[in-house]
PDB file of all heavy atoms in Angstrom:
ATOM      1  N   GLU A   1      98.666  98.814  97.365  1.00  0.00           N
ATOM      2  CA  GLU A   1      99.908  99.474  96.998  1.00  0.00           C
ATOM      3  C   GLU A   1     100.823  99.563  98.216  1.00  0.00           C
ATOM      4  O   GLU A   1     100.366  99.534  99.370  1.00  0.00           O
ATOM      5  CB  GLU A   1      99.627 100.880  96.456  1.00  0.00           C
ATOM      6  CG  GLU A   1      98.793 100.904  95.186  1.00  0.00           C
ATOM      7  CD  GLU A   1      99.518 100.276  94.004  1.00  0.00           C
ATOM      8  OE1 GLU A   1     100.770 100.316  93.983  1.00  0.00           O
ATOM      9  OE2 GLU A   1      98.837  99.745  93.100  1.00  0.00           O
ATOM     10  N   ASP A   2     102.128  99.687  97.978  1.00  0.00           N
ATOM     11  CA  ASP A   2     103.099  99.725  99.066  1.00  0.00           C
ATOM     12  C   ASP A   2     102.829 100.843 100.060  1.00  0.00           C
ATOM     13  O   ASP A   2     103.135 100.713 101.256  1.00  0.00           O
ATOM     14  CB  ASP A   2     104.522  99.874  98.520  1.00  0.00           C
ATOM     15  CG  ASP A   2     105.007  98.611  97.827  1.00  0.00           C
ATOM     16  OD1 ASP A   2     104.363  97.551  97.998  1.00  0.00           O
ATOM     17  OD2 ASP A   2     106.022  98.684  97.115  1.00  0.00           O
ATOM     18  N   ASP A   3     102.273 101.965  99.588  1.00  0.00           N
ATOM     19  CA  ASP A   3     102.060 103.110 100.464  1.00  0.00           C
ATOM     20  C   ASP A   3     100.666 103.131 101.087  1.00  0.00           C
ATOM     21  O   ASP A   3     100.277 104.108 101.730  1.00  0.00           O
ATOM     22  CB  ASP A   3     102.316 104.419  99.711  1.00  0.00           C
ATOM     23  CG  ASP A   3     101.417 104.590  98.490  1.00  0.00           C
ATOM     24  OD1 ASP A   3     100.664 103.633  98.171  1.00  0.00           O
ATOM     25  OD2 ASP A   3     101.475 105.656  97.859  1.00  0.00           O
ATOM     26  N   TYR A   4      99.911 102.044 100.907  1.00  0.00           N
ATOM     27  CA  TYR A   4      98.571 101.996 101.507  1.00  0.00           C
ATOM     28  C   TYR A   4      98.698 101.860 103.029  1.00  0.00           C
ATOM     29  O   TYR A   4      99.454 101.017 103.528  1.00  0.00           O
ATOM     30  CB  TYR A   4      97.779 100.815 100.951  1.00  0.00           C
ATOM     31  CG  TYR A   4      96.342 100.785 101.407  1.00  0.00           C
ATOM     32  CD1 TYR A   4      95.378 101.542 100.761  1.00  0.00           C
ATOM     33  CD2 TYR A   4      95.967 100.005 102.500  1.00  0.00           C
ATOM     34  CE1 TYR A   4      94.052 101.524 101.189  1.00  0.00           C
ATOM     35  CE2 TYR A   4      94.650  99.978 102.935  1.00  0.00           C
ATOM     36  CZ  TYR A   4      93.699 100.740 102.279  1.00  0.00           C
ATOM     37  OH  TYR A   4      92.393 100.723 102.713  1.00  0.00           O
ATOM     38  N   PRO A   5      97.944 102.661 103.802  1.00  0.00           N
ATOM     39  CA  PRO A   5      98.071 102.636 105.274  1.00  0.00           C
ATOM     40  C   PRO A   5      97.329 101.453 105.897  1.00  0.00           C
ATOM     41  O   PRO A   5      96.262 101.606 106.498  1.00  0.00           O
ATOM     42  CB  PRO A   5      97.465 103.972 105.691  1.00  0.00           C
ATOM     43  CG  PRO A   5      96.449 104.267 104.627  1.00  0.00           C
ATOM     44  CD  PRO A   5      97.042 103.735 103.338  1.00  0.00           C
ATOM     45  N   LEU A   6      97.884 100.302 105.740  1.00  0.00           N
ATOM     46  CA  LEU A   6      97.267  99.078 106.247  1.00  0.00           C
ATOM     47  C   LEU A   6      97.078  99.116 107.758  1.00  0.00           C
ATOM     48  O   LEU A   6      97.906  99.655 108.495  1.00  0.00           O
ATOM     49  CB  LEU A   6      98.154  97.880 105.907  1.00  0.00           C
ATOM     50  CG  LEU A   6      98.334  97.524 104.437  1.00  0.00           C
ATOM     51  CD1 LEU A   6      99.564  96.646 104.268  1.00  0.00           C
ATOM     52  CD2 LEU A   6      97.092  96.820 103.909  1.00  0.00           C
ATOM     53  N   ARG A   7      96.011  98.457 108.200  1.00  0.00           N
ATOM     54  CA  ARG A   7      95.816  98.187 109.632  1.00  0.00           C
ATOM     55  C   ARG A   7      95.934  96.671 109.819  1.00  0.00           C
ATOM     56  O   ARG A   7      95.187  95.897 109.210  1.00  0.00           O
ATOM     57  CB  ARG A   7      94.451  98.673 110.126  1.00  0.00           C
ATOM     58  CG  ARG A   7      94.302 100.176 110.188  1.00  0.00           C
ATOM     59  CD  ARG A   7      93.055 100.547 110.983  1.00  0.00           C
ATOM     60  NE  ARG A   7      93.278 100.381 112.407  1.00  0.00           N
ATOM     61  CZ  ARG A   7      92.356  99.963 113.281  1.00  0.00           C
ATOM     62  NH1 ARG A   7      91.153  99.596 112.857  1.00  0.00           N
ATOM     63  NH2 ARG A   7      92.631  99.878 114.571  1.00  0.00           N
ATOM     64  N   ILE A   8      96.859  96.272 110.658  1.00  0.00           N
ATOM     65  CA  ILE A   8      97.159  94.856 110.878  1.00  0.00           C
ATOM     66  C   ILE A   8      96.952  94.526 112.349  1.00  0.00           C
ATOM     67  O   ILE A   8      97.328  95.312 113.232  1.00  0.00           O
ATOM     68  CB  ILE A   8      98.611  94.531 110.472  1.00  0.00           C
ATOM     69  CG1 ILE A   8      98.846  94.865 108.995  1.00  0.00           C
ATOM     70  CG2 ILE A   8      98.945  93.071 110.754  1.00  0.00           C
ATOM     71  CD1 ILE A   8     100.303  94.759 108.574  1.00  0.00           C
ATOM     72  N   ALA A   9      96.386  93.354 112.633  1.00  0.00           N
ATOM     73  CA  ALA A   9      96.290  92.846 114.004  1.00  0.00           C
ATOM     74  C   ALA A   9      96.946  91.479 114.076  1.00  0.00           C
ATOM     75  O   ALA A   9      96.751  90.646 113.186  1.00  0.00           O
ATOM     76  CB  ALA A   9      94.833  92.753 114.444  1.00  0.00           C
ATOM     77  N   ASP A  10      97.728  91.276 115.126  1.00  0.00           N
ATOM     78  CA  ASP A  10      98.391  89.989 115.368  1.00  0.00           C
ATOM     79  C   ASP A  10      97.862  89.451 116.689  1.00  0.00           C
ATOM     80  O   ASP A  10      98.128  90.025 117.753  1.00  0.00           O
ATOM     81  CB  ASP A  10      99.909  90.190 115.418  1.00  0.00           C
ATOM     82  CG  ASP A  10     100.673  88.901 115.675  1.00  0.00           C
ATOM     83  OD1 ASP A  10     100.070  87.819 115.586  1.00  0.00           O
ATOM     84  OD2 ASP A  10     101.884  88.984 115.958  1.00  0.00           O
ATOM     85  N   ILE A  11      97.110  88.373 116.631  1.00  0.00           N
ATOM     86  CA  ILE A  11      96.421  87.829 117.796  1.00  0.00           C
ATOM     87  C   ILE A  11      97.309  86.807 118.490  1.00  0.00           C
ATOM     88  O   ILE A  11      97.702  85.808 117.893  1.00  0.00           O
ATOM     89  CB  ILE A  11      95.082  87.170 117.390  1.00  0.00           C
ATOM     90  CG1 ILE A  11      94.265  88.115 116.503  1.00  0.00           C
ATOM     91  CG2 ILE A  11      94.295  86.758 118.627  1.00  0.00           C
ATOM     92  CD1 ILE A  11      94.054  89.484 117.065  1.00  0.00           C
ATOM     93  N   GLY A  12      97.615  87.048 119.766  1.00  0.00           N
ATOM     94  CA  GLY A  12      98.548  86.194 120.491  1.00  0.00           C
ATOM     95  C   GLY A  12      99.960  86.456 120.008  1.00  0.00           C
ATOM     96  O   GLY A  12     100.689  85.542 119.630  1.00  0.00           O
ATOM     97  N   THR A  13     100.374  87.704 120.060  1.00  0.00           N
ATOM     98  CA  THR A  13     101.600  88.136 119.374  1.00  0.00           C
ATOM     99  C   THR A  13     102.887  87.578 119.962  1.00  0.00           C
ATOM    100  O   THR A  13     103.883  87.460 119.272  1.00  0.00           O
ATOM    101  CB  THR A  13     101.663  89.683 119.342  1.00  0.00           C
ATOM    102  OG1 THR A  13     102.656  90.111 118.424  1.00  0.00           O
ATOM    103  CG2 THR A  13     101.926  90.263 120.731  1.00  0.00           C
ATOM    104  N   GLY A  14     102.890  87.214 121.245  1.00  0.00           N
ATOM    105  CA  GLY A  14     104.105  86.658 121.847  1.00  0.00           C
ATOM    106  C   GLY A  14     105.259  87.635 121.778  1.00  0.00           C
ATOM    107  O   GLY A  14     105.194  88.757 122.278  1.00  0.00           O
ATOM    108  N   SER A  15     106.332  87.236 121.127  1.00  0.00           N
ATOM    109  CA  SER A  15     107.508  88.092 120.976  1.00  0.00           C
ATOM    110  C   SER A  15     107.291  89.203 119.957  1.00  0.00           C
ATOM    111  O   SER A  15     108.152  90.074 119.787  1.00  0.00           O
ATOM    112  CB  SER A  15     108.711  87.250 120.543  1.00  0.00           C
ATOM    113  OG  SER A  15     108.491  86.688 119.257  1.00  0.00           O
ATOM    114  N   GLY A  16     106.155  89.190 119.267  1.00  0.00           N
ATOM    115  CA  GLY A  16     105.878  90.160 118.211  1.00  0.00           C
ATOM    116  C   GLY A  16     106.390  89.732 116.855  1.00  0.00           C
ATOM    117  O   GLY A  16     106.368  90.516 115.902  1.00  0.00           O
ATOM    118  N   ALA A  17     106.827  88.494 116.721  1.00  0.00           N
ATOM    119  CA  ALA A  17     107.543  88.044 115.527  1.00  0.00           C
ATOM    120  C   ALA A  17     106.788  88.314 114.229  1.00  0.00           C
ATOM    121  O   ALA A  17     107.318  88.936 113.302  1.00  0.00           O
ATOM    122  CB  ALA A  17     107.866  86.554 115.646  1.00  0.00           C
ATOM    123  N   ILE A  18     105.545  87.838 114.135  1.00  0.00           N
ATOM    124  CA  ILE A  18     104.805  87.970 112.879  1.00  0.00           C
ATOM    125  C   ILE A  18     104.508  89.430 112.582  1.00  0.00           C
ATOM    126  O   ILE A  18     104.736  89.916 111.465  1.00  0.00           O
ATOM    127  CB  ILE A  18     103.504  87.150 112.920  1.00  0.00           C
ATOM    128  CG1 ILE A  18     103.801  85.660 113.121  1.00  0.00           C
ATOM    129  CG2 ILE A  18     102.702  87.345 111.646  1.00  0.00           C
ATOM    130  CD1 ILE A  18     102.560  84.809 113.308  1.00  0.00           C
ATOM    131  N   LEU A  19     104.002  90.147 113.572  1.00  0.00           N
ATOM    132  CA  LEU A  19     103.651  91.553 113.365  1.00  0.00           C
ATOM    133  C   LEU A  19     104.856  92.379 112.949  1.00  0.00           C
ATOM    134  O   LEU A  19     104.793  93.163 111.988  1.00  0.00           O
ATOM    135  CB  LEU A  19     103.043  92.120 114.640  1.00  0.00           C
ATOM    136  CG  LEU A  19     102.667  93.600 114.590  1.00  0.00           C
ATOM    137  CD1 LEU A  19     101.617  93.860 113.519  1.00  0.00           C
ATOM    138  CD2 LEU A  19     102.178  94.076 115.953  1.00  0.00           C
ATOM    139  N   LEU A  20     105.964  92.223 113.640  1.00  0.00           N
ATOM    140  CA  LEU A  20     107.146  93.031 113.349  1.00  0.00           C
ATOM    141  C   LEU A  20     107.741  92.669 111.989  1.00  0.00           C
ATOM    142  O   LEU A  20     108.252  93.539 111.278  1.00  0.00           O
ATOM    143  CB  LEU A  20     108.167  92.878 114.467  1.00  0.00           C
ATOM    144  CG  LEU A  20     107.680  93.375 115.834  1.00  0.00           C
ATOM    145  CD1 LEU A  20     108.716  93.093 116.904  1.00  0.00           C
ATOM    146  CD2 LEU A  20     107.326  94.860 115.798  1.00  0.00           C
ATOM    147  N   ALA A  21     107.660  91.403 111.612  1.00  0.00           N
ATOM    148  CA  ALA A  21     108.124  91.012 110.274  1.00  0.00           C
ATOM    149  C   ALA A  21     107.295  91.710 109.199  1.00  0.00           C
ATOM    150  O   ALA A  21     107.833  92.227 108.212  1.00  0.00           O
ATOM    151  CB  ALA A  21     108.041  89.496 110.113  1.00  0.00           C
ATOM    152  N   LEU A  22     105.973  91.746 109.397  1.00  0.00           N
ATOM    153  CA  LEU A  22     105.109  92.402 108.413  1.00  0.00           C
ATOM    154  C   LEU A  22     105.351  93.900 108.361  1.00  0.00           C
ATOM    155  O   LEU A  22     105.410  94.502 107.279  1.00  0.00           O
ATOM    156  CB  LEU A  22     103.643  92.102 108.744  1.00  0.00           C
ATOM    157  CG  LEU A  22     103.201  90.651 108.540  1.00  0.00           C
ATOM    158  CD1 LEU A  22     101.827  90.424 109.140  1.00  0.00           C
ATOM    159  CD2 LEU A  22     103.205  90.287 107.058  1.00  0.00           C
ATOM    160  N   LEU A  23     105.496  94.527 109.520  1.00  0.00           N
ATOM    161  CA  LEU A  23     105.750  95.967 109.546  1.00  0.00           C
ATOM    162  C   LEU A  23     107.083  96.308 108.890  1.00  0.00           C
ATOM    163  O   LEU A  23     107.225  97.369 108.275  1.00  0.00           O
ATOM    164  CB  LEU A  23     105.713  96.483 110.979  1.00  0.00           C
ATOM    165  CG  LEU A  23     104.351  96.433 111.678  1.00  0.00           C
ATOM    166  CD1 LEU A  23     104.478  96.970 113.110  1.00  0.00           C
ATOM    167  CD2 LEU A  23     103.290  97.197 110.914  1.00  0.00           C
ATOM    168  N   SER A  24     108.063  95.411 109.021  1.00  0.00           N
ATOM    169  CA  SER A  24     109.366  95.667 108.401  1.00  0.00           C
ATOM    170  C   SER A  24     109.274  95.646 106.876  1.00  0.00           C
ATOM    171  O   SER A  24     110.096  96.255 106.192  1.00  0.00           O
ATOM    172  CB  SER A  24     110.394  94.633 108.873  1.00  0.00           C
ATOM    173  OG  SER A  24     110.184  93.362 108.254  1.00  0.00           O
ATOM    174  N   GLU A  25     108.263  94.960 106.344  1.00  0.00           N
ATOM    175  CA  GLU A  25     108.089  94.847 104.903  1.00  0.00           C
ATOM    176  C   GLU A  25     107.112  95.879 104.342  1.00  0.00           C
ATOM    177  O   GLU A  25     107.135  96.160 103.141  1.00  0.00           O
ATOM    178  CB  GLU A  25     107.587  93.441 104.544  1.00  0.00           C
ATOM    179  CG  GLU A  25     108.569  92.322 104.864  1.00  0.00           C
ATOM    180  CD  GLU A  25     109.702  92.235 103.854  1.00  0.00           C
ATOM    181  OE1 GLU A  25     109.629  92.920 102.813  1.00  0.00           O
ATOM    182  OE2 GLU A  25     110.660  91.474 104.104  1.00  0.00           O
ATOM    183  N   ARG A  26     106.247  96.399 105.194  1.00  0.00           N
ATOM    184  CA  ARG A  26     105.217  97.345 104.742  1.00  0.00           C
ATOM    185  C   ARG A  26     105.363  98.652 105.525  1.00  0.00           C
ATOM    186  O   ARG A  26     104.765  98.841 106.581  1.00  0.00           O
ATOM    187  CB  ARG A  26     103.825  96.748 104.953  1.00  0.00           C
ATOM    188  CG  ARG A  26     103.579  95.466 104.188  1.00  0.00           C
ATOM    189  CD  ARG A  26     103.492  95.648 102.684  1.00  0.00           C
ATOM    190  NE  ARG A  26     102.427  96.556 102.284  1.00  0.00           N
ATOM    191  CZ  ARG A  26     101.820  96.514 101.105  1.00  0.00           C
ATOM    192  NH1 ARG A  26     102.176  95.593 100.203  1.00  0.00           N
ATOM    193  NH2 ARG A  26     100.886  97.386 100.800  1.00  0.00           N
TER     194      ARG A  26
END
């Protein structure tokens, strides 16, 4: 569900692109 407190890891995050995109959506 949208309000589920997901835990996400981004390995080799660099600029943070993938992680920040996901956080912006969830």
